[in-house]
Amino acid sequence: MILWKTLLGLISGMSYSKIYESVELELQIFQTAAILEIVHAAIGIVRSPVGTTAIQVFSRVTVVWMVLYKVVSARDSIGVPMLLLAWSITEVVRYSYYALSLINSVPRLLVWMRYTFFIILYPMGASGEVFTMFAALPEVALRKHFTIEMPNAANVTFSFWWYLIGLILFYVPGFPQMYFYMFGQRKKVLTRDAEKKLE
C-alpha cells in the first residue's frame, strides 16, 4: 500500500509532502508495529541480531514520530520519497520471505532478492533518513520541538536539535558496520543456497 501510493505520487508529480500525507497513517502504523521485531529477535522467532534490529527500528520510529509527524517542513525533503521507497520495497521482500519461510517454501529468487536488494535500498533508506533529519533542523531550531530548557522543576535540559545532530553523526560509523554485516549475511546465505542447488 505504501509502496503503491508512493510510486503513484511520484509518477503523477505530487509534492514530497503530499506523497507523505497520502501514506502517513499506514507508515505510522507499520513502523510502530515494527517494534515487535525487536521482541521477535529477542525471543528467537526470527534469526536476527537484537542490537541491529533495535537500531534499525529505533531510527525509523524516530524519523516517523519525532521528525515527520512533528516537523512539517521536513516532509518536503528529497529524503521522504527515498526512505518511503527503500523501506517499503525492503518490507515487501522481507515479509514475503518470512511468511514463505514459515512453510519452508521460499523461492530462490526471493532469497536472492532478500540478500541483494539491500545493496541499493540500504544506502537509499539511510540517506533518506539523514536528508529528512537534516531538513528538520531549521524548524527544530526555530520552534524548539521536544526541547526542554532550563530552568525547570526537574533541573534538566534536552536539545532535540543536538539529538538530531548526534543521530545524523551516528550514521557515519553505524551505517558501514551494518551495511557490511549484510554483505556477510548475503555471502553466507547465497553460498549455502548455491550449495543446496548443486546437491
Protein backbone atom coordinates (compact mmCIF):
# COMPACT_ATOMS: atom_id res chain seq x y z
CA MET A 1 0.00 0.00 0.00
CA ILE A 2 2.75 2.47 0.98
CA LEU A 3 4.89 1.43 -1.99
CA TRP A 4 1.96 1.72 -4.40
CA LYS A 5 0.87 5.15 -3.14
CA THR A 6 4.45 6.43 -3.18
CA LEU A 7 5.01 5.27 -6.76
CA LEU A 8 1.69 6.75 -7.90
CA GLY A 9 2.53 10.03 -6.18
CA LEU A 10 5.95 10.24 -7.82
CA ILE A 11 4.58 9.34 -11.27
CA SER A 12 1.78 11.90 -11.01
CA GLY A 13 4.18 14.64 -9.89
CA MET A 14 2.84 15.11 -6.36
CA SER A 15 4.98 17.13 -3.97
CA TYR A 16 7.00 15.12 -1.46
CA SER A 17 4.88 16.44 1.39
CA LYS A 18 1.65 15.36 -0.38
CA ILE A 19 3.12 11.91 -1.00
CA TYR A 20 3.99 11.68 2.69
CA GLU A 21 0.49 12.80 3.71
CA SER A 22 -1.03 10.12 1.45
CA VAL A 23 0.81 7.35 3.35
CA GLU A 24 1.18 8.94 6.79
CA LEU A 25 -1.26 6.74 8.73
CA GLU A 26 -0.07 3.46 7.20
CA LEU A 27 3.55 4.47 7.73
CA GLN A 28 2.93 5.30 11.39
CA ILE A 29 1.08 2.03 12.00
CA PHE A 30 3.58 -0.25 10.27
CA GLN A 31 6.75 1.41 11.53
CA THR A 32 5.40 1.49 15.09
CA ALA A 33 4.37 -2.17 14.82
CA ALA A 34 7.96 -2.92 13.77
CA ILE A 35 8.88 -2.52 17.45
CA LEU A 36 7.62 -6.11 17.72
CA GLU A 37 10.55 -7.15 15.51
CA ILE A 38 12.88 -6.40 18.43
CA VAL A 39 10.81 -8.74 20.61
CA HIS A 40 10.72 -11.39 17.87
CA ALA A 41 14.51 -11.25 17.54
CA ALA A 42 14.94 -11.38 21.33
CA ILE A 43 12.77 -14.49 21.78
CA GLY A 44 14.06 -16.23 18.66
CA ILE A 45 11.03 -16.12 16.37
CA VAL A 46 13.33 -14.67 13.70
CA ARG A 47 17.07 -15.15 13.43
CA SER A 48 18.15 -11.52 13.56
CA PRO A 49 20.59 -9.84 15.94
CA VAL A 50 18.63 -7.95 18.60
CA GLY A 51 21.01 -4.96 18.62
CA THR A 52 20.97 -4.49 14.85
CA THR A 53 17.20 -4.85 14.75
CA ALA A 54 16.76 -2.37 17.61
CA ILE A 55 18.96 0.25 15.92
CA GLN A 56 17.09 -0.03 12.62
CA VAL A 57 13.66 0.12 14.25
CA PHE A 58 14.71 2.96 16.57
CA SER A 59 15.99 5.11 13.70
CA ARG A 60 12.83 4.58 11.67
CA VAL A 61 10.48 5.25 14.58
CA THR A 62 12.44 8.42 15.39
CA VAL A 63 12.11 9.64 11.79
CA VAL A 64 8.40 8.77 11.64
CA TRP A 65 7.24 10.13 15.01
CA MET A 66 9.78 12.76 16.08
CA VAL A 67 10.63 14.20 12.67
CA LEU A 68 7.92 13.63 10.04
CA TYR A 69 4.96 13.77 12.43
CA LYS A 70 6.10 16.88 14.27
CA VAL A 71 8.36 18.79 11.86
CA VAL A 72 6.10 19.57 8.91
CA SER A 73 8.83 21.30 6.87
CA ALA A 74 10.87 18.05 6.80
CA ARG A 75 8.16 16.44 4.67
CA ASP A 76 9.38 18.42 1.64
CA SER A 77 12.82 16.78 1.77
CA ILE A 78 14.05 14.58 -1.10
CA GLY A 79 14.71 12.12 1.72
CA VAL A 80 10.99 11.40 2.10
CA PRO A 81 10.43 9.53 -1.19
CA MET A 82 13.86 7.92 -0.78
CA LEU A 83 13.02 6.42 2.60
CA LEU A 84 9.45 5.55 1.60
CA LEU A 85 10.64 3.59 -1.44
CA ALA A 86 13.56 1.94 0.35
CA TRP A 87 11.56 0.97 3.43
CA SER A 88 8.52 -0.31 1.54
CA ILE A 89 10.42 -2.37 -1.06
CA THR A 90 12.55 -3.83 1.74
CA GLU A 91 9.49 -4.77 3.80
CA VAL A 92 7.58 -6.31 0.88
CA VAL A 93 10.56 -8.57 0.14
CA ARG A 94 11.43 -9.28 3.77
CA TYR A 95 7.92 -10.11 4.98
CA SER A 96 7.27 -12.26 1.89
CA TYR A 97 10.49 -14.09 2.73
CA TYR A 98 9.47 -14.54 6.39
CA ALA A 99 5.95 -15.71 5.50
CA LEU A 100 7.16 -18.29 2.99
CA SER A 101 9.89 -19.41 5.42
CA LEU A 102 7.17 -20.50 7.83
CA ILE A 103 6.04 -23.13 5.33
CA ASN A 104 9.56 -23.91 4.02
CA SER A 105 8.62 -22.63 0.58
CA VAL A 106 10.93 -19.69 -0.19
CA PRO A 107 11.73 -19.48 -3.92
CA ARG A 108 15.41 -18.96 -4.78
CA LEU A 109 14.55 -15.67 -6.49
CA LEU A 110 13.09 -14.33 -3.24
CA VAL A 111 16.18 -15.44 -1.31
CA TRP A 112 18.33 -13.62 -3.86
CA MET A 113 16.12 -10.50 -3.64
CA ARG A 114 16.22 -10.56 0.17
CA TYR A 115 20.02 -10.66 0.20
CA THR A 116 20.73 -8.46 -2.83
CA PHE A 117 18.24 -5.57 -2.93
CA PHE A 118 19.78 -4.15 0.25
CA ILE A 119 22.87 -3.19 -1.77
CA ILE A 120 20.91 -0.25 -3.20
CA LEU A 121 18.00 0.05 -0.77
CA TYR A 122 20.06 0.25 2.43
CA PRO A 123 22.11 3.31 1.35
CA MET A 124 18.98 4.82 -0.19
CA GLY A 125 16.97 4.41 3.02
CA ALA A 126 19.77 5.61 5.30
CA SER A 127 20.41 8.63 3.06
CA GLY A 128 16.69 9.37 3.02
CA GLU A 129 16.59 9.28 6.82
CA VAL A 130 19.63 11.57 7.10
CA PHE A 131 18.32 14.04 4.49
CA THR A 132 14.95 14.15 6.25
CA MET A 133 16.50 14.74 9.69
CA PHE A 134 18.82 17.38 8.22
CA ALA A 135 15.83 19.12 6.60
CA ALA A 136 14.14 19.22 10.02
CA LEU A 137 16.98 21.12 11.73
CA PRO A 138 15.96 24.72 10.84
CA GLU A 139 12.39 24.26 12.09
CA VAL A 140 13.56 22.37 15.19
CA ALA A 141 15.98 25.22 16.00
CA LEU A 142 13.25 27.82 15.49
CA ARG A 143 10.31 26.11 17.21
CA LYS A 144 12.31 24.06 19.72
CA HIS A 145 10.30 20.87 19.19
CA PHE A 146 10.80 18.37 22.05
CA THR A 147 13.37 20.72 23.63
CA ILE A 148 13.49 21.20 27.40
CA GLU A 149 15.22 24.37 28.57
CA MET A 150 16.40 25.45 31.98
CA PRO A 151 15.23 26.48 34.45
CA ASN A 152 12.57 23.89 35.18
CA ALA A 153 11.38 21.83 38.14
CA ALA A 154 13.42 18.77 37.17
CA ASN A 155 16.54 20.88 36.58
CA VAL A 156 17.29 19.05 33.30
CA THR A 157 17.81 20.16 29.75
CA PHE A 158 17.36 18.45 26.41
CA SER A 159 18.03 19.81 22.93
CA PHE A 160 16.22 17.96 20.18
CA TRP A 161 18.37 19.85 17.65
CA TRP A 162 21.56 18.38 19.17
CA TYR A 163 19.87 15.00 19.47
CA LEU A 164 19.22 15.01 15.70
CA ILE A 165 22.79 16.13 15.01
CA GLY A 166 24.05 13.25 17.17
CA LEU A 167 21.79 10.78 15.40
CA ILE A 168 22.93 12.01 11.97
CA LEU A 169 26.56 11.69 13.07
CA PHE A 170 25.86 8.16 14.37
CA TYR A 171 25.20 7.11 10.78
CA VAL A 172 28.88 7.77 9.93
CA PRO A 173 30.23 4.78 11.92
CA GLY A 174 26.91 2.93 12.19
CA PHE A 175 25.93 2.66 8.55
CA PRO A 176 29.12 0.98 7.23
CA GLN A 177 29.10 -1.51 10.10
CA MET A 178 25.51 -2.58 9.44
CA TYR A 179 25.92 -2.45 5.66
CA PHE A 180 28.97 -4.72 5.64
CA TYR A 181 27.26 -7.04 8.14
CA MET A 182 24.57 -7.50 5.49
CA PHE A 183 27.22 -8.35 2.88
CA GLY A 184 28.48 -11.05 5.24
CA GLN A 185 24.94 -12.39 5.62
CA ARG A 186 24.50 -12.28 1.85
CA LYS A 187 27.64 -14.32 1.22
CA LYS A 188 26.71 -16.87 3.87
CA VAL A 189 23.11 -17.35 2.71
CA LEU A 190 23.70 -17.27 -1.05
CA THR A 191 26.70 -19.63 -0.76
CA ARG A 192 24.58 -22.06 1.28
CA ASP A 193 21.74 -21.72 -1.26
CA ALA A 194 24.14 -22.39 -4.18
CA GLU A 195 25.50 -25.49 -2.40
CA LYS A 196 21.95 -26.82 -1.91
CA LYS A 197 21.26 -26.25 -5.59
CA LEU A 198 24.31 -28.39 -6.52
CA GLU A 199 23.19 -31.31 -4.33
